[in-house]
C-alpha cells in the first residue's frame, strides 16, 4: 500500500512538473491543453507523450549566463554625451510614474536637433534611448538585461539564445514589413526599434497602465505599441510563438506611426500584416460565428466608437469585433494596393478617413461598412467629424 501511494504521489508530481514545462513550448494554448489532458487521462503513456512537447525555459537567472556582446551594462547614465553636443544632465528632464522613469523627450529632441546632420541626429537619439532604457532596466530590477543589436534594443529577462533570436526576428520582420507595405511603411535609417519584455503580466500591466488615462475599464492585451516619448512596444513574457505575432503587429504600428492614421485603419493594417507574417491573428471563433456577432453588435452608436477609435478599448466583445472589422475593411479596400496606398497616405484622423475614401475610392466609408454588415444604408453610419 505504501509503495503504491508513493508511486501515485510521484506520478502526480511528475505530471505537475511536466505540465508547467509544456506551457513554455511554442504550441498554441489549445494544443498545450490537449497534451496536458493526456497526462491525466493516460497515466505513464501520457507522461511519455507529453515529455516530447517540453522545451527549455525562455528565461535564465542573469548570473547563470555570460553577458552577450552588445549588452548595455553598468549604471544608468546621469548625463548624455555625444560628439558635437554639450553634455546634458538628465535629472532636470526625468521623473517617475509607478516607479518607472519618464524623460521629458521634447528637451532631449531639442538637444539632438542641434546637430546639422540629420543622420548624426538619429545616432544621437539612440544615445537618449539607451540612457532611458538603462534607467528602465534598473526600475524593473535585476531580472532584466538590455541588449543592443543592429536594428533593435531588447530589454528583457530572456535567455541569451532567445534574446539573439528575438533581435534577429525584429530585423527580419522590419524588412518584410517594408516589402509588404511598400509605399507606407517607414523605419528611419539608423533608428532602432525598442522592445520591452516585462517579466510577467503583473509587471506588464503595472507598466502600461502609466500610459492609460485615469479611470475606466480597458481590454486585456498581450502587447502594445506606445507612441509616446520614445516610441516602443512592450509585451508580457511568454513563449516566442506568442511574442512573434505581437512583434509583427506592433512593428507595423511603428512603421506606420509617421502617417498618423485613424485607429481603425492603423489596426486593420497591423492585424492583416500580423496574419501574413506569422501564425497569429486567430480569434477562436469561426467566420460564421464572427459574422453573427458582427450583425448583433454593430449599430450607429457603436460605429461612431469604431471610427473614433474608442471601441478598440472596450472591455467586452466590442474590442475583438473592432479589430476584426478593421481587418476585413482593410483587406477589402487593400485588394487594389495602389489605390489603397493613396487612400492611406491621405486619410485623416479628424474624419476617420472619410474624405480620403470618397476622393480615392469614390465611395463613403458608411456605404462600405453597411454593405459588409448587411445593413440598410443610413448617414448615421458615416464617421462623424471629431
Protein backbone atom coordinates (compact mmCIF):
# COMPACT_ATOMS: atom_id res chain seq x y z
CA UNK A 1 0.00 0.00 0.00
CA UNK A 2 2.83 2.38 0.95
CA UNK A 3 4.71 1.74 -2.28
CA UNK A 4 1.52 2.28 -4.24
CA UNK A 5 0.87 5.64 -2.58
CA UNK A 6 4.49 6.65 -3.15
CA UNK A 7 4.14 5.80 -6.82
CA UNK A 8 0.90 7.77 -7.04
CA UNK A 9 2.43 10.88 -5.44
CA UNK A 10 5.48 10.57 -7.69
CA UNK A 11 3.27 10.37 -10.78
CA UNK A 12 1.25 13.41 -9.67
CA UNK A 13 4.43 15.39 -9.01
CA UNK A 14 5.86 14.46 -12.41
CA UNK A 15 2.61 15.37 -14.16
CA UNK A 16 2.53 18.77 -12.47
CA UNK A 17 6.17 19.46 -13.37
CA UNK A 18 5.79 18.38 -17.00
CA UNK A 19 2.56 20.41 -17.24
CA UNK A 20 4.43 23.59 -16.32
CA UNK A 21 7.14 22.79 -18.87
CA UNK A 22 4.54 22.31 -21.61
CA UNK A 23 3.36 25.90 -21.01
CA UNK A 24 6.82 27.04 -22.15
CA UNK A 25 6.74 25.45 -25.60
CA UNK A 26 5.77 27.12 -28.86
CA UNK A 27 2.39 25.43 -29.33
CA UNK A 28 -1.00 27.10 -29.14
CA UNK A 29 -2.91 27.12 -25.85
CA UNK A 30 -5.36 24.56 -27.28
CA UNK A 31 -2.52 22.20 -28.23
CA UNK A 32 -0.96 22.64 -24.80
CA UNK A 33 -4.27 21.85 -23.10
CA UNK A 34 -4.69 18.67 -25.16
CA UNK A 35 -1.21 17.43 -24.20
CA UNK A 36 -1.79 18.24 -20.53
CA UNK A 37 -5.09 16.36 -20.67
CA UNK A 38 -3.19 13.31 -21.94
CA UNK A 39 -1.04 13.45 -18.80
CA UNK A 40 -4.02 12.73 -16.58
CA UNK A 41 -6.18 10.61 -18.89
CA UNK A 42 -3.46 8.10 -19.78
CA UNK A 43 -1.02 7.63 -16.88
CA UNK A 44 2.58 6.78 -17.84
CA UNK A 45 1.78 6.66 -21.57
CA UNK A 46 0.53 10.24 -21.42
CA UNK A 47 3.63 11.24 -19.48
CA UNK A 48 5.95 9.80 -22.12
CA UNK A 49 3.93 11.50 -24.86
CA UNK A 50 3.98 14.86 -23.04
CA UNK A 51 7.75 14.78 -22.47
CA UNK A 52 8.19 15.18 -26.21
CA UNK A 53 6.33 18.51 -26.03
CA UNK A 54 8.50 20.15 -23.38
CA UNK A 55 11.14 22.75 -24.14
CA UNK A 56 13.78 24.59 -22.10
CA UNK A 57 12.60 27.72 -20.32
CA UNK A 58 12.90 31.03 -22.15
CA UNK A 59 14.41 32.71 -19.13
CA UNK A 60 17.55 32.15 -17.13
CA UNK A 61 18.83 33.75 -13.96
CA UNK A 62 21.02 36.60 -15.29
CA UNK A 63 24.03 35.43 -13.27
CA UNK A 64 23.74 31.98 -14.84
CA UNK A 65 24.70 33.22 -18.31
CA UNK A 66 27.61 35.36 -19.53
CA UNK A 67 26.95 38.83 -20.88
CA UNK A 68 26.23 38.87 -24.58
CA UNK A 69 28.25 41.18 -26.83
CA UNK A 70 26.04 44.24 -27.13
CA UNK A 71 24.75 44.05 -23.57
CA UNK A 72 24.41 47.52 -22.06
CA UNK A 73 25.85 47.00 -18.59
CA UNK A 74 26.94 49.34 -15.83
CA UNK A 75 24.99 52.08 -14.03
CA UNK A 76 22.40 54.13 -15.87
CA UNK A 77 23.93 57.46 -17.01
CA UNK A 78 23.21 60.73 -15.25
CA UNK A 79 24.04 62.83 -18.29
CA UNK A 80 24.06 62.46 -22.06
CA UNK A 81 27.18 62.89 -24.16
CA UNK A 82 27.62 62.96 -27.94
CA UNK A 83 30.38 64.41 -30.11
CA UNK A 84 29.46 67.90 -31.26
CA UNK A 85 26.89 68.48 -28.49
CA UNK A 86 27.30 69.88 -24.98
CA UNK A 87 26.69 67.36 -22.16
CA UNK A 88 23.08 67.26 -21.00
CA UNK A 89 22.25 66.48 -17.36
CA UNK A 90 19.29 64.10 -17.14
CA UNK A 91 17.97 64.90 -13.66
CA UNK A 92 16.07 68.07 -14.72
CA UNK A 93 14.42 66.11 -17.54
CA UNK A 94 13.48 62.90 -15.73
CA UNK A 95 10.57 61.93 -13.47
CA UNK A 96 8.98 58.66 -12.34
CA UNK A 97 5.48 57.21 -12.50
CA UNK A 98 4.56 53.91 -10.86
CA UNK A 99 8.27 53.61 -10.14
CA UNK A 100 9.26 53.77 -13.84
CA UNK A 101 11.41 56.54 -15.35
CA UNK A 102 9.95 59.02 -17.82
CA UNK A 103 12.01 61.56 -19.72
CA UNK A 104 10.95 64.97 -20.99
CA UNK A 105 11.55 63.86 -24.54
CA UNK A 106 10.94 67.28 -26.05
CA UNK A 107 14.05 68.60 -24.29
CA UNK A 108 16.07 65.59 -25.45
CA UNK A 109 14.84 66.03 -29.02
CA UNK A 110 15.87 69.68 -28.91
CA UNK A 111 19.32 68.55 -27.74
CA UNK A 112 19.77 66.17 -30.70
CA UNK A 113 18.19 68.62 -33.17
CA UNK A 114 21.15 70.98 -32.63
CA UNK A 115 23.18 68.70 -34.89
CA UNK A 116 23.06 69.93 -38.53
CA UNK A 117 23.47 66.42 -39.98
CA UNK A 118 20.12 64.50 -39.77
CA UNK A 119 21.89 61.12 -39.71
CA UNK A 120 24.05 62.18 -36.77
CA UNK A 121 20.92 63.49 -35.06
CA UNK A 122 19.39 60.00 -35.38
CA UNK A 123 22.54 58.46 -33.92
CA UNK A 124 22.39 60.93 -31.03
CA UNK A 125 18.77 59.94 -30.44
CA UNK A 126 19.95 56.36 -29.92
CA UNK A 127 22.06 57.67 -27.03
CA UNK A 128 18.89 59.04 -25.42
CA UNK A 129 17.08 55.73 -25.95
CA UNK A 130 19.97 53.78 -24.44
CA UNK A 131 20.01 56.06 -21.40
CA UNK A 132 16.25 55.78 -20.82
CA UNK A 133 16.28 52.00 -21.25
CA UNK A 134 19.17 51.72 -18.78
CA UNK A 135 17.08 53.55 -16.17
CA UNK A 136 14.04 51.42 -17.08
CA UNK A 137 16.16 48.27 -16.71
CA UNK A 138 17.10 49.32 -13.18
CA UNK A 139 13.45 50.09 -12.36
CA UNK A 140 12.32 46.60 -13.38
CA UNK A 141 15.07 45.02 -11.29
CA UNK A 142 17.92 42.56 -11.69
CA UNK A 143 15.93 40.05 -13.78
CA UNK A 144 16.21 42.19 -16.93
CA UNK A 145 19.13 42.86 -19.24
CA UNK A 146 19.42 45.42 -22.02
CA UNK A 147 20.77 44.10 -25.33
CA UNK A 148 21.58 46.38 -28.27
CA UNK A 149 21.59 44.89 -31.78
CA UNK A 150 21.82 46.44 -35.25
CA UNK A 151 18.10 47.21 -35.51
CA UNK A 152 16.78 46.84 -32.00
CA UNK A 153 17.11 47.40 -28.30
CA UNK A 154 15.75 44.39 -26.39
CA UNK A 155 15.11 44.91 -22.68
CA UNK A 156 14.06 41.55 -21.30
CA UNK A 157 14.59 38.63 -18.91
CA UNK A 158 15.06 36.29 -21.88
CA UNK A 159 17.84 33.70 -22.07
CA UNK A 160 20.78 34.67 -24.29
CA UNK A 161 19.84 32.44 -27.22
CA UNK A 162 16.27 33.78 -27.15
CA UNK A 163 17.49 37.39 -26.98
CA UNK A 164 19.59 36.83 -30.13
CA UNK A 165 16.68 35.12 -31.90
CA UNK A 166 14.30 37.92 -30.90
CA UNK A 167 16.66 40.66 -32.11
CA UNK A 168 17.16 38.79 -35.39
CA UNK A 169 13.39 38.40 -35.73
CA UNK A 170 12.96 42.17 -35.35
CA UNK A 171 15.47 42.75 -38.16
CA UNK A 172 13.79 40.21 -40.44
CA UNK A 173 10.30 41.46 -39.67
CA UNK A 174 11.22 45.09 -40.36
CA UNK A 175 12.46 44.05 -43.82
CA UNK A 176 9.32 42.02 -44.50
CA UNK A 177 7.03 44.86 -43.38
CA UNK A 178 8.87 47.29 -45.65
CA UNK A 179 8.27 44.93 -48.57
CA UNK A 180 4.67 44.05 -47.71
CA UNK A 181 3.59 47.64 -47.03
CA UNK A 182 5.63 49.24 -49.79
CA UNK A 183 4.96 52.96 -50.01
CA UNK A 184 3.50 53.15 -46.50
CA UNK A 185 5.97 51.58 -44.06
CA UNK A 186 8.89 53.67 -42.94
CA UNK A 187 11.65 52.80 -40.49
CA UNK A 188 14.07 55.76 -40.28
CA UNK A 189 17.64 54.83 -41.24
CA UNK A 190 19.89 54.11 -38.23
CA UNK A 191 16.87 54.21 -35.93
CA UNK A 192 16.43 51.15 -33.71
CA UNK A 193 13.17 49.57 -32.66
CA UNK A 194 12.68 49.21 -28.92
CA UNK A 195 11.20 46.03 -27.45
CA UNK A 196 10.48 45.79 -23.73
CA UNK A 197 9.58 42.33 -22.41
CA UNK A 198 8.05 42.62 -18.94
CA UNK A 199 8.90 39.72 -16.56
CA UNK A 200 5.23 38.78 -16.07
CA UNK A 201 1.69 40.01 -16.64
CA UNK A 202 1.62 41.90 -13.33
CA UNK A 203 4.68 43.93 -14.30
CA UNK A 204 3.32 44.36 -17.81
CA UNK A 205 0.02 45.89 -16.70
CA UNK A 206 1.72 47.92 -13.98
CA UNK A 207 3.98 49.44 -16.62
CA UNK A 208 1.48 50.04 -19.44
CA UNK A 209 -1.09 51.47 -17.02
CA UNK A 210 1.07 54.60 -16.81
CA UNK A 211 0.11 55.29 -20.44
CA UNK A 212 -3.64 54.81 -19.91
CA UNK A 213 -5.97 57.65 -18.87
CA UNK A 214 -7.10 57.58 -15.25
CA UNK A 215 -10.33 55.70 -14.55
CA UNK A 216 -12.39 53.42 -16.76
CA UNK A 217 -12.07 49.79 -17.85
CA UNK A 218 -9.77 48.61 -20.59
CA UNK A 219 -9.45 45.42 -22.59
CA UNK A 220 -6.80 42.81 -21.83
CA UNK A 221 -3.76 42.78 -24.08
CA UNK A 222 -0.56 40.82 -24.56
CA UNK A 223 1.36 43.70 -26.06
CA UNK A 224 1.07 47.22 -27.39
CA UNK A 225 2.92 49.88 -29.32
CA UNK A 226 3.38 53.01 -27.21
CA UNK A 227 3.83 56.00 -29.48
CA UNK A 228 4.64 58.39 -26.66
CA UNK A 229 8.02 59.93 -25.91
CA UNK A 230 10.34 57.19 -27.07
CA UNK A 231 8.17 55.00 -29.34
CA UNK A 232 8.47 51.42 -28.17
CA UNK A 233 6.50 48.23 -27.99
CA UNK A 234 6.05 46.20 -24.86
CA UNK A 235 4.94 42.61 -24.34
CA UNK A 236 4.43 40.32 -21.37
CA UNK A 237 6.90 37.47 -21.15
CA UNK A 238 5.65 34.37 -22.94
CA UNK A 239 6.95 31.86 -25.44
CA UNK A 240 8.17 33.03 -28.83
CA UNK A 241 5.07 31.63 -30.54
CA UNK A 242 3.08 34.32 -28.73
CA UNK A 243 5.73 37.04 -28.81
CA UNK A 244 6.33 36.88 -32.57
CA UNK A 245 2.78 37.89 -33.64
CA UNK A 246 2.89 40.75 -31.12
CA UNK A 247 6.24 41.93 -32.52
CA UNK A 248 4.91 41.80 -36.10
CA UNK A 249 1.73 43.64 -35.10
CA UNK A 250 3.44 46.33 -33.03
CA UNK A 251 6.31 46.81 -35.50
CA UNK A 252 3.67 47.54 -38.13
CA UNK A 253 2.29 50.30 -35.89
CA UNK A 254 5.83 51.61 -35.51
CA UNK A 255 6.39 51.62 -39.28
CA UNK A 256 3.10 53.46 -39.88
CA UNK A 257 3.35 55.95 -36.99
CA UNK A 258 4.61 58.71 -39.31
CA UNK A 259 1.27 58.66 -41.19
CA UNK A 260 -0.89 59.44 -38.12
CA UNK A 261 -3.63 57.11 -39.40
CA UNK A 262 -7.16 56.77 -37.99
CA UNK A 263 -7.01 53.98 -35.41
CA UNK A 264 -9.26 51.58 -37.34
CA UNK A 265 -7.01 51.86 -40.39
CA UNK A 266 -3.84 51.53 -38.32
CA UNK A 267 -5.18 48.44 -36.52
CA UNK A 268 -6.57 46.89 -39.70
CA UNK A 269 -3.17 47.12 -41.37
CA UNK A 270 -1.43 45.75 -38.27
CA UNK A 271 -3.76 42.74 -37.94
CA UNK A 272 -3.52 41.88 -41.64
CA UNK A 273 0.27 42.20 -41.56
CA UNK A 274 0.46 40.06 -38.43
CA UNK A 275 -1.60 37.34 -40.11
CA UNK A 276 0.52 37.48 -43.27
CA UNK A 277 3.84 37.24 -41.44
CA UNK A 278 3.06 34.89 -38.54
CA UNK A 279 0.72 32.18 -37.35
CA UNK A 280 -1.06 34.72 -35.15
CA UNK A 281 -4.30 36.59 -35.60
CA UNK A 282 -6.78 33.86 -34.70
CA UNK A 283 -9.90 34.80 -32.75
CA UNK A 284 -11.10 31.39 -31.56
CA UNK A 285 -14.37 31.82 -33.49
CA UNK A 286 -15.43 30.52 -36.88
CA UNK A 287 -16.19 33.01 -39.64
CA UNK A 288 -19.88 32.10 -39.33
CA UNK A 289 -19.83 32.86 -35.60
CA UNK A 290 -17.99 36.14 -36.13
CA UNK A 291 -20.45 37.21 -38.81
CA UNK A 292 -23.37 36.61 -36.46
CA UNK A 293 -21.61 38.51 -33.67
CA UNK A 294 -21.00 41.46 -36.00
CA UNK A 295 -24.63 41.61 -37.08
CA UNK A 296 -25.81 41.56 -33.47
CA UNK A 297 -23.31 44.11 -32.13
CA UNK A 298 -22.91 46.99 -34.55
CA UNK A 299 -25.28 49.92 -34.65
CA UNK A 300 -24.81 53.64 -35.43
CA UNK A 301 -23.55 54.45 -31.92
CA UNK A 302 -21.06 51.57 -31.89
CA UNK A 303 -19.86 52.56 -35.38
CA UNK A 304 -19.08 56.08 -34.16
CA UNK A 305 -16.93 54.48 -31.45
CA UNK A 306 -15.24 52.44 -34.18
CA UNK A 307 -14.47 55.43 -36.42
CA UNK A 308 -13.15 57.45 -33.46
CA UNK A 309 -11.07 54.52 -32.17
CA UNK A 310 -12.82 54.27 -28.80
CA UNK A 311 -14.28 50.79 -29.48
CA UNK A 312 -10.78 49.29 -29.60
CA UNK A 313 -10.53 49.90 -25.85
CA UNK A 314 -13.85 48.30 -24.90
CA UNK A 315 -13.56 45.55 -22.26
CA UNK A 316 -16.28 43.44 -23.95
CA UNK A 317 -16.60 41.70 -27.33
CA UNK A 318 -16.64 45.12 -28.96
CA UNK A 319 -12.86 45.06 -28.65
CA UNK A 320 -12.47 41.80 -30.58
CA UNK A 321 -15.10 42.81 -33.15
CA UNK A 322 -13.40 46.16 -33.71
CA UNK A 323 -10.11 44.51 -34.65
CA UNK A 324 -11.92 42.00 -36.84
CA UNK A 325 -13.99 44.64 -38.63
CA UNK A 326 -10.85 46.73 -39.18
CA UNK A 327 -9.12 43.66 -40.61
CA UNK A 328 -11.99 42.95 -43.01
CA UNK A 329 -12.29 46.58 -44.13
CA UNK A 330 -8.56 46.88 -44.85
CA UNK A 331 -8.45 43.51 -46.63
CA UNK A 332 -11.38 44.57 -48.80
CA UNK A 333 -10.04 48.03 -49.59
CA UNK A 334 -6.46 46.81 -49.98
CA UNK A 335 -7.22 44.47 -52.87
CA UNK A 336 -6.16 47.37 -55.13
CA UNK A 337 -2.89 48.23 -53.39
CA UNK A 338 -2.03 51.30 -55.47
CA UNK A 339 -5.36 52.98 -54.70
CA UNK A 340 -5.30 51.81 -51.11
CA UNK A 341 -1.81 53.30 -50.61
CA UNK A 342 -3.08 56.63 -51.91
CA UNK A 343 -6.04 56.40 -49.55
CA UNK A 344 -3.87 55.55 -46.50
CA UNK A 345 -1.47 58.41 -47.19
CA UNK A 346 -4.38 60.86 -47.43
CA UNK A 347 -6.54 59.53 -44.57
CA UNK A 348 -7.05 61.98 -41.69
CA UNK A 349 -7.76 61.07 -38.08
CA UNK A 350 -10.11 64.04 -37.73
CA UNK A 351 -12.76 62.49 -40.02
CA UNK A 352 -11.82 58.80 -39.68
CA UNK A 353 -10.57 58.75 -43.28
CA UNK A 354 -13.98 59.67 -44.72
CA UNK A 355 -12.84 62.32 -47.18
CA UNK A 356 -9.89 60.25 -48.41
CA UNK A 357 -12.18 57.27 -49.08
CA UNK A 358 -14.54 59.45 -51.07
CA UNK A 359 -11.70 61.04 -53.05
CA UNK A 360 -9.76 57.84 -53.82
CA UNK A 361 -12.44 55.14 -54.00
CA UNK A 362 -15.44 57.26 -54.87
CA UNK A 363 -17.47 55.68 -52.09
CA UNK A 364 -18.22 56.59 -48.49
CA UNK A 365 -16.99 54.57 -45.53
CA UNK A 366 -20.55 54.32 -44.24
CA UNK A 367 -21.65 52.74 -47.52
CA UNK A 368 -18.80 50.21 -47.33
CA UNK A 369 -19.45 49.17 -43.75
CA UNK A 370 -23.23 48.93 -44.24
CA UNK A 371 -22.66 46.59 -47.18
CA UNK A 372 -20.25 44.43 -45.17
CA UNK A 373 -22.63 44.25 -42.19
CA UNK A 374 -25.74 43.73 -44.33
CA UNK A 375 -27.35 46.92 -43.03
CA UNK A 376 -29.55 49.33 -44.96
CA UNK A 377 -27.56 52.47 -45.61
CA UNK A 378 -28.07 55.34 -43.19
CA UNK A 379 -25.97 58.50 -42.87
CA UNK A 380 -25.68 57.76 -39.14
CA UNK A 381 -23.12 55.06 -40.06
CA UNK A 382 -20.75 57.60 -41.59
CA UNK A 383 -17.80 58.83 -39.49
CA UNK A 384 -18.68 61.98 -37.56
CA UNK A 385 -16.15 64.81 -37.61
CA UNK A 386 -14.03 64.79 -34.46
